[in-house]
Full PDB file with SEQRES, HELIX, SHEET, SSBOND, CRYST1, ORIGX, SCALE, CONECT and MASTER records, all heavy atoms in Angstrom:
SEQRES   1 A   33  MET ARG ILE ASP PRO GLN ARG SER ALA ALA ILE ALA ASP          
SEQRES   2 A   33  SER LEU ARG ALA VAL LEU ALA ARG SER SER ALA ASP GLY          
SEQRES   3 A   33  LEU THR GLY LEU SER CYS LEU                                  
HELIX    1 AA1 SER A    8  SER A   22  1                                  15    
CRYST1    1.000    1.000    1.000  90.00  90.00  90.00 P 1           1          
ORIGX1      1.000000  0.000000  0.000000        0.00000                         
ORIGX2      0.000000  1.000000  0.000000        0.00000                         
ORIGX3      0.000000  0.000000  1.000000        0.00000                         
SCALE1      1.000000  0.000000  0.000000        0.00000                         
SCALE2      0.000000  1.000000  0.000000        0.00000                         
SCALE3      0.000000  0.000000  1.000000        0.00000                         
ATOM      1  N   MET A   1      29.747 172.192 101.724  1.00  0.00           N  
ATOM      2  CA  MET A   1      30.876 171.453 102.294  1.00  0.00           C  
ATOM      3  C   MET A   1      32.053 171.398 101.330  1.00  0.00           C  
ATOM      4  O   MET A   1      33.192 171.291 101.751  1.00  0.00           O  
ATOM      5  CB  MET A   1      30.440 170.039 102.679  1.00  0.00           C  
ATOM      6  CG  MET A   1      29.485 170.022 103.864  1.00  0.00           C  
ATOM      7  SD  MET A   1      28.982 168.363 104.337  1.00  0.00           S  
ATOM      8  CE  MET A   1      30.541 167.705 104.913  1.00  0.00           C  
ATOM      9  N   ARG A   2      31.761 171.449 100.067  1.00  0.00           N  
ATOM     10  CA  ARG A   2      32.833 171.420  99.065  1.00  0.00           C  
ATOM     11  C   ARG A   2      32.928 172.790  98.407  1.00  0.00           C  
ATOM     12  O   ARG A   2      31.998 173.225  97.737  1.00  0.00           O  
ATOM     13  CB  ARG A   2      32.554 170.341  98.033  1.00  0.00           C  
ATOM     14  CG  ARG A   2      32.756 168.957  98.615  1.00  0.00           C  
ATOM     15  CD  ARG A   2      32.295 167.854  97.693  1.00  0.00           C  
ATOM     16  NE  ARG A   2      32.285 166.578  98.365  1.00  0.00           N  
ATOM     17  CZ  ARG A   2      31.360 166.170  99.220  1.00  0.00           C  
ATOM     18  NH1 ARG A   2      30.356 166.954  99.530  1.00  0.00           N  
ATOM     19  NH2 ARG A   2      31.432 164.982  99.787  1.00  0.00           N  
ATOM     20  N   ILE A   3      34.055 173.430  98.633  1.00  0.00           N  
ATOM     21  CA  ILE A   3      34.299 174.753  98.062  1.00  0.00           C  
ATOM     22  C   ILE A   3      35.346 174.592  96.973  1.00  0.00           C  
ATOM     23  O   ILE A   3      36.387 173.969  97.187  1.00  0.00           O  
ATOM     24  CB  ILE A   3      34.777 175.733  99.140  1.00  0.00           C  
ATOM     25  CG1 ILE A   3      33.659 175.965 100.165  1.00  0.00           C  
ATOM     26  CG2 ILE A   3      35.222 177.046  98.526  1.00  0.00           C  
ATOM     27  CD1 ILE A   3      34.053 176.848 101.322  1.00  0.00           C  
ATOM     28  N   ASP A   4      35.060 175.164  95.818  1.00  0.00           N  
ATOM     29  CA  ASP A   4      36.008 175.144  94.706  1.00  0.00           C  
ATOM     30  C   ASP A   4      37.304 175.812  95.166  1.00  0.00           C  
ATOM     31  O   ASP A   4      37.300 176.974  95.578  1.00  0.00           O  
ATOM     32  CB  ASP A   4      35.407 175.894  93.523  1.00  0.00           C  
ATOM     33  CG  ASP A   4      36.303 175.944  92.298  1.00  0.00           C  
ATOM     34  OD1 ASP A   4      37.494 175.571  92.385  1.00  0.00           O  
ATOM     35  OD2 ASP A   4      35.798 176.359  91.246  1.00  0.00           O  
ATOM     36  N   PRO A   5      38.428 175.090  95.120  1.00  0.00           N  
ATOM     37  CA  PRO A   5      39.693 175.668  95.576  1.00  0.00           C  
ATOM     38  C   PRO A   5      40.036 176.988  94.874  1.00  0.00           C  
ATOM     39  O   PRO A   5      40.679 177.858  95.462  1.00  0.00           O  
ATOM     40  CB  PRO A   5      40.731 174.590  95.242  1.00  0.00           C  
ATOM     41  CG  PRO A   5      39.963 173.323  95.166  1.00  0.00           C  
ATOM     42  CD  PRO A   5      38.581 173.708  94.679  1.00  0.00           C  
ATOM     43  N   GLN A   6      39.594 177.144  93.627  1.00  0.00           N  
ATOM     44  CA  GLN A   6      39.869 178.382  92.911  1.00  0.00           C  
ATOM     45  C   GLN A   6      39.013 179.536  93.421  1.00  0.00           C  
ATOM     46  O   GLN A   6      39.301 180.689  93.123  1.00  0.00           O  
ATOM     47  CB  GLN A   6      39.684 178.175  91.415  1.00  0.00           C  
ATOM     48  CG  GLN A   6      40.695 177.209  90.840  1.00  0.00           C  
ATOM     49  CD  GLN A   6      40.583 177.089  89.336  1.00  0.00           C  
ATOM     50  OE1 GLN A   6      39.925 177.875  88.680  1.00  0.00           O  
ATOM     51  NE2 GLN A   6      41.252 176.085  88.781  1.00  0.00           N  
ATOM     52  N   ARG A   7      37.960 179.237  94.163  1.00  0.00           N  
ATOM     53  CA  ARG A   7      37.081 180.282  94.717  1.00  0.00           C  
ATOM     54  C   ARG A   7      37.331 180.529  96.198  1.00  0.00           C  
ATOM     55  O   ARG A   7      36.807 181.475  96.762  1.00  0.00           O  
ATOM     56  CB  ARG A   7      35.612 179.868  94.533  1.00  0.00           C  
ATOM     57  CG  ARG A   7      35.117 179.810  93.134  1.00  0.00           C  
ATOM     58  CD  ARG A   7      34.458 181.089  92.643  1.00  0.00           C  
ATOM     59  NE  ARG A   7      33.504 181.639  93.587  1.00  0.00           N  
ATOM     60  CZ  ARG A   7      33.569 182.897  94.053  1.00  0.00           C  
ATOM     61  NH1 ARG A   7      34.502 183.711  93.667  1.00  0.00           N  
ATOM     62  NH2 ARG A   7      32.672 183.334  94.920  1.00  0.00           N  
ATOM     63  N   SER A   8      38.113 179.677  96.853  1.00  0.00           N  
ATOM     64  CA  SER A   8      38.213 179.763  98.310  1.00  0.00           C  
ATOM     65  C   SER A   8      38.797 181.093  98.785  1.00  0.00           C  
ATOM     66  O   SER A   8      38.346 181.635  99.800  1.00  0.00           O  
ATOM     67  CB  SER A   8      38.994 178.576  98.881  1.00  0.00           C  
ATOM     68  OG  SER A   8      40.325 178.617  98.451  1.00  0.00           O  
ATOM     69  N   ALA A   9      39.788 181.651  98.100  1.00  0.00           N  
ATOM     70  CA  ALA A   9      40.357 182.936  98.527  1.00  0.00           C  
ATOM     71  C   ALA A   9      39.321 184.051  98.414  1.00  0.00           C  
ATOM     72  O   ALA A   9      39.195 184.896  99.328  1.00  0.00           O  
ATOM     73  CB  ALA A   9      41.596 183.274  97.711  1.00  0.00           C  
ATOM     74  N   ALA A  10      38.561 184.072  97.328  1.00  0.00           N  
ATOM     75  CA  ALA A  10      37.527 185.104  97.161  1.00  0.00           C  
ATOM     76  C   ALA A  10      36.421 184.938  98.201  1.00  0.00           C  
ATOM     77  O   ALA A  10      35.914 185.927  98.741  1.00  0.00           O  
ATOM     78  CB  ALA A  10      36.952 185.045  95.747  1.00  0.00           C  
ATOM     79  N   ILE A  11      36.049 183.694  98.484  1.00  0.00           N  
ATOM     80  CA  ILE A  11      35.024 183.440  99.504  1.00  0.00           C  
ATOM     81  C   ILE A  11      35.534 183.898 100.862  1.00  0.00           C  
ATOM     82  O   ILE A  11      34.806 184.557 101.622  1.00  0.00           O  
ATOM     83  CB  ILE A  11      34.621 181.947  99.502  1.00  0.00           C  
ATOM     84  CG1 ILE A  11      33.856 181.618  98.220  1.00  0.00           C  
ATOM     85  CG2 ILE A  11      33.801 181.605 100.741  1.00  0.00           C  
ATOM     86  CD1 ILE A  11      33.644 180.149  97.978  1.00  0.00           C  
ATOM     87  N   ALA A  12      36.783 183.583 101.188  1.00  0.00           N  
ATOM     88  CA  ALA A  12      37.361 184.014 102.458  1.00  0.00           C  
ATOM     89  C   ALA A  12      37.366 185.539 102.568  1.00  0.00           C  
ATOM     90  O   ALA A  12      37.025 186.094 103.625  1.00  0.00           O  
ATOM     91  CB  ALA A  12      38.769 183.457 102.616  1.00  0.00           C  
ATOM     92  N   ASP A  13      37.722 186.227 101.497  1.00  0.00           N  
ATOM     93  CA  ASP A  13      37.714 187.692 101.508  1.00  0.00           C  
ATOM     94  C   ASP A  13      36.311 188.235 101.744  1.00  0.00           C  
ATOM     95  O   ASP A  13      36.133 189.195 102.509  1.00  0.00           O  
ATOM     96  CB  ASP A  13      38.287 188.247 100.203  1.00  0.00           C  
ATOM     97  CG  ASP A  13      39.791 188.074 100.083  1.00  0.00           C  
ATOM     98  OD1 ASP A  13      40.464 187.779 101.106  1.00  0.00           O  
ATOM     99  OD2 ASP A  13      40.312 188.215  98.956  1.00  0.00           O  
ATOM    100  N   SER A  14      35.322 187.638 101.099  1.00  0.00           N  
ATOM    101  CA  SER A  14      33.930 188.074 101.297  1.00  0.00           C  
ATOM    102  C   SER A  14      33.480 187.834 102.733  1.00  0.00           C  
ATOM    103  O   SER A  14      32.808 188.682 103.334  1.00  0.00           O  
ATOM    104  CB  SER A  14      33.006 187.353 100.321  1.00  0.00           C  
ATOM    105  OG  SER A  14      33.298 187.730  98.995  1.00  0.00           O  
ATOM    106  N   LEU A  15      33.848 186.686 103.292  1.00  0.00           N  
ATOM    107  CA  LEU A  15      33.486 186.396 104.679  1.00  0.00           C  
ATOM    108  C   LEU A  15      34.187 187.366 105.636  1.00  0.00           C  
ATOM    109  O   LEU A  15      33.570 187.848 106.593  1.00  0.00           O  
ATOM    110  CB  LEU A  15      33.840 184.950 105.036  1.00  0.00           C  
ATOM    111  CG  LEU A  15      32.968 183.877 104.413  1.00  0.00           C  
ATOM    112  CD1 LEU A  15      33.551 182.487 104.680  1.00  0.00           C  
ATOM    113  CD2 LEU A  15      31.534 183.967 104.920  1.00  0.00           C  
ATOM    114  N   ARG A  16      35.439 187.662 105.386  1.00  0.00           N  
ATOM    115  CA  ARG A  16      36.158 188.639 106.224  1.00  0.00           C  
ATOM    116  C   ARG A  16      35.434 189.991 106.215  1.00  0.00           C  
ATOM    117  O   ARG A  16      35.328 190.657 107.252  1.00  0.00           O  
ATOM    118  CB  ARG A  16      37.589 188.827 105.732  1.00  0.00           C  
ATOM    119  CG  ARG A  16      38.542 187.775 106.187  1.00  0.00           C  
ATOM    120  CD  ARG A  16      39.991 188.126 105.794  1.00  0.00           C  
ATOM    121  NE  ARG A  16      40.846 186.993 106.022  1.00  0.00           N  
ATOM    122  CZ  ARG A  16      41.200 186.118 105.089  1.00  0.00           C  
ATOM    123  NH1 ARG A  16      40.803 186.257 103.840  1.00  0.00           N  
ATOM    124  NH2 ARG A  16      41.977 185.096 105.392  1.00  0.00           N  
ATOM    125  N   ALA A  17      34.957 190.399 105.045  1.00  0.00           N  
ATOM    126  CA  ALA A  17      34.248 191.686 104.940  1.00  0.00           C  
ATOM    127  C   ALA A  17      32.964 191.660 105.762  1.00  0.00           C  
ATOM    128  O   ALA A  17      32.649 192.637 106.462  1.00  0.00           O  
ATOM    129  CB  ALA A  17      33.955 192.003 103.477  1.00  0.00           C  
ATOM    130  N   VAL A  18      32.210 190.564 105.688  1.00  0.00           N  
ATOM    131  CA  VAL A  18      30.983 190.446 106.489  1.00  0.00           C  
ATOM    132  C   VAL A  18      31.325 190.493 107.970  1.00  0.00           C  
ATOM    133  O   VAL A  18      30.681 191.207 108.748  1.00  0.00           O  
ATOM    134  CB  VAL A  18      30.228 189.139 106.145  1.00  0.00           C  
ATOM    135  CG1 VAL A  18      29.089 188.896 107.127  1.00  0.00           C  
ATOM    136  CG2 VAL A  18      29.708 189.161 104.722  1.00  0.00           C  
ATOM    137  N   LEU A  19      32.341 189.750 108.370  1.00  0.00           N  
ATOM    138  CA  LEU A  19      32.715 189.716 109.786  1.00  0.00           C  
ATOM    139  C   LEU A  19      33.216 191.074 110.254  1.00  0.00           C  
ATOM    140  O   LEU A  19      32.924 191.487 111.387  1.00  0.00           O  
ATOM    141  CB  LEU A  19      33.757 188.632 110.024  1.00  0.00           C  
ATOM    142  CG  LEU A  19      33.260 187.198 109.817  1.00  0.00           C  
ATOM    143  CD1 LEU A  19      34.409 186.212 109.935  1.00  0.00           C  
ATOM    144  CD2 LEU A  19      32.132 186.860 110.777  1.00  0.00           C  
ATOM    145  N   ALA A  20      33.960 191.790 109.426  1.00  0.00           N  
ATOM    146  CA  ALA A  20      34.459 193.113 109.799  1.00  0.00           C  
ATOM    147  C   ALA A  20      33.304 194.083 110.036  1.00  0.00           C  
ATOM    148  O   ALA A  20      33.330 194.869 110.993  1.00  0.00           O  
ATOM    149  CB  ALA A  20      35.400 193.645 108.716  1.00  0.00           C  
ATOM    150  N   ARG A  21      32.279 194.020 109.185  1.00  0.00           N  
ATOM    151  CA  ARG A  21      31.104 194.890 109.375  1.00  0.00           C  
ATOM    152  C   ARG A  21      30.323 194.510 110.628  1.00  0.00           C  
ATOM    153  O   ARG A  21      29.653 195.349 111.218  1.00  0.00           O  
ATOM    154  CB  ARG A  21      30.178 194.808 108.165  1.00  0.00           C  
ATOM    155  CG  ARG A  21      30.687 195.504 106.941  1.00  0.00           C  
ATOM    156  CD  ARG A  21      29.608 195.655 105.882  1.00  0.00           C  
ATOM    157  NE  ARG A  21      28.905 194.436 105.562  1.00  0.00           N  
ATOM    158  CZ  ARG A  21      29.278 193.543 104.646  1.00  0.00           C  
ATOM    159  NH1 ARG A  21      30.390 193.725 103.958  1.00  0.00           N  
ATOM    160  NH2 ARG A  21      28.557 192.482 104.397  1.00  0.00           N  
ATOM    161  N   SER A  22      30.412 193.259 111.021  1.00  0.00           N  
ATOM    162  CA  SER A  22      29.618 192.763 112.144  1.00  0.00           C  
ATOM    163  C   SER A  22      30.325 192.852 113.476  1.00  0.00           C  
ATOM    164  O   SER A  22      29.717 192.593 114.509  1.00  0.00           O  
ATOM    165  CB  SER A  22      29.240 191.301 111.893  1.00  0.00           C  
ATOM    166  OG  SER A  22      28.504 191.168 110.694  1.00  0.00           O  
ATOM    167  N   SER A  23      31.595 193.208 113.470  1.00  0.00           N  
ATOM    168  CA  SER A  23      32.370 193.089 114.702  1.00  0.00           C  
ATOM    169  C   SER A  23      32.611 194.393 115.444  1.00  0.00           C  
ATOM    170  O   SER A  23      33.425 194.428 116.361  1.00  0.00           O  
ATOM    171  CB  SER A  23      33.710 192.417 114.394  1.00  0.00           C  
ATOM    172  OG  SER A  23      34.478 193.234 113.549  1.00  0.00           O  
ATOM    173  N   ALA A  24      31.908 195.445 115.106  1.00  0.00           N  
ATOM    174  CA  ALA A  24      32.147 196.738 115.754  1.00  0.00           C  
ATOM    175  C   ALA A  24      31.968 196.655 117.271  1.00  0.00           C  
ATOM    176  O   ALA A  24      32.730 197.263 118.017  1.00  0.00           O  
ATOM    177  CB  ALA A  24      31.214 197.792 115.172  1.00  0.00           C  
ATOM    178  N   ASP A  25      30.975 195.926 117.736  1.00  0.00           N  
ATOM    179  CA  ASP A  25      30.708 195.793 119.176  1.00  0.00           C  
ATOM    180  C   ASP A  25      31.112 194.432 119.706  1.00  0.00           C  
ATOM    181  O   ASP A  25      30.620 193.987 120.726  1.00  0.00           O  
ATOM    182  CB  ASP A  25      29.218 196.000 119.455  1.00  0.00           C  
ATOM    183  CG  ASP A  25      28.767 197.409 119.110  1.00  0.00           C  
ATOM    184  OD1 ASP A  25      29.557 198.337 119.327  1.00  0.00           O  
ATOM    185  OD2 ASP A  25      27.640 197.556 118.618  1.00  0.00           O  
ATOM    186  N   GLY A  26      31.986 193.733 119.015  1.00  0.00           N  
ATOM    187  CA  GLY A  26      32.344 192.368 119.395  1.00  0.00           C  
ATOM    188  C   GLY A  26      31.654 191.395 118.459  1.00  0.00           C  
ATOM    189  O   GLY A  26      30.648 191.716 117.837  1.00  0.00           O  
ATOM    190  N   LEU A  27      32.207 190.229 118.354  1.00  0.00           N  
ATOM    191  CA  LEU A  27      31.715 189.258 117.389  1.00  0.00           C  
ATOM    192  C   LEU A  27      31.622 187.879 118.016  1.00  0.00           C  
ATOM    193  O   LEU A  27      32.564 187.424 118.661  1.00  0.00           O  
ATOM    194  CB  LEU A  27      32.670 189.196 116.190  1.00  0.00           C  
ATOM    195  CG  LEU A  27      32.443 188.091 115.165  1.00  0.00           C  
ATOM    196  CD1 LEU A  27      31.123 188.293 114.430  1.00  0.00           C  
ATOM    197  CD2 LEU A  27      33.607 188.058 114.180  1.00  0.00           C  
ATOM    198  N   THR A  28      30.492 187.237 117.802  1.00  0.00           N  
ATOM    199  CA  THR A  28      30.330 185.818 118.111  1.00  0.00           C  
ATOM    200  C   THR A  28      29.943 185.129 116.815  1.00  0.00           C  
ATOM    201  O   THR A  28      29.000 185.554 116.138  1.00  0.00           O  
ATOM    202  CB  THR A  28      29.242 185.582 119.175  1.00  0.00           C  
ATOM    203  OG1 THR A  28      29.653 186.199 120.401  1.00  0.00           O  
ATOM    204  CG2 THR A  28      29.028 184.094 119.412  1.00  0.00           C  
ATOM    205  N   GLY A  29      30.676 184.092 116.463  1.00  0.00           N  
ATOM    206  CA  GLY A  29      30.373 183.303 115.280  1.00  0.00           C  
ATOM    207  C   GLY A  29      29.828 181.952 115.683  1.00  0.00           C  
ATOM    208  O   GLY A  29      30.358 181.304 116.595  1.00  0.00           O  
ATOM    209  N   LEU A  30      28.770 181.529 115.016  1.00  0.00           N  
ATOM    210  CA  LEU A  30      28.114 180.244 115.289  1.00  0.00           C  
ATOM    211  C   LEU A  30      28.325 179.314 114.105  1.00  0.00           C  
ATOM    212  O   LEU A  30      28.031 179.678 112.970  1.00  0.00           O  
ATOM    213  CB  LEU A  30      26.616 180.436 115.495  1.00  0.00           C  
ATOM    214  CG  LEU A  30      26.174 181.406 116.583  1.00  0.00           C  
ATOM    215  CD1 LEU A  30      24.663 181.602 116.532  1.00  0.00           C  
ATOM    216  CD2 LEU A  30      26.601 180.894 117.942  1.00  0.00           C  
ATOM    217  N   SER A  31      28.809 178.109 114.375  1.00  0.00           N  
ATOM    218  CA  SER A  31      29.113 177.167 113.302  1.00  0.00           C  
ATOM    219  C   SER A  31      28.905 175.738 113.779  1.00  0.00           C  
ATOM    220  O   SER A  31      29.141 175.428 114.954  1.00  0.00           O  
ATOM    221  CB  SER A  31      30.568 177.338 112.856  1.00  0.00           C  
ATOM    222  OG  SER A  31      30.944 176.351 111.922  1.00  0.00           O  
ATOM    223  N   CYS A  32      28.516 174.872 112.853  1.00  0.00           N  
ATOM    224  CA  CYS A  32      28.433 173.430 113.130  1.00  0.00           C  
ATOM    225  C   CYS A  32      29.748 172.724 112.802  1.00  0.00           C  
ATOM    226  O   CYS A  32      29.865 171.519 112.984  1.00  0.00           O  
ATOM    227  CB  CYS A  32      27.286 172.802 112.351  1.00  0.00           C  
ATOM    228  SG  CYS A  32      25.649 173.346 112.898  1.00  0.00           S  
ATOM    229  N   LEU A  33      30.720 173.454 112.293  1.00  0.00           N  
ATOM    230  CA  LEU A  33      32.058 172.958 111.971  1.00  0.00           C  
ATOM    231  C   LEU A  33      32.094 171.895 110.890  1.00  0.00           C  
ATOM    232  O   LEU A  33      33.054 171.122 110.818  1.00  0.00           O  
ATOM    233  CB  LEU A  33      32.796 172.435 113.212  1.00  0.00           C  
ATOM    234  CG  LEU A  33      33.183 173.438 114.266  1.00  0.00           C  
ATOM    235  CD1 LEU A  33      34.071 172.772 115.312  1.00  0.00           C  
ATOM    236  CD2 LEU A  33      33.883 174.647 113.688  1.00  0.00           C  
TER     237      LEU A  33                                                      
MASTER        0    0    0    1    0    0    0    6  236    1    0    3          
END                                                                             
């Protein structure tokens, strides 16, 4: 729940990469928000 602000951009980039690899046939993301 607490992300180091200095790491948030790198974490976002890593998540984007995972989502890009997963979205070839469409993407559904599941989250508790």
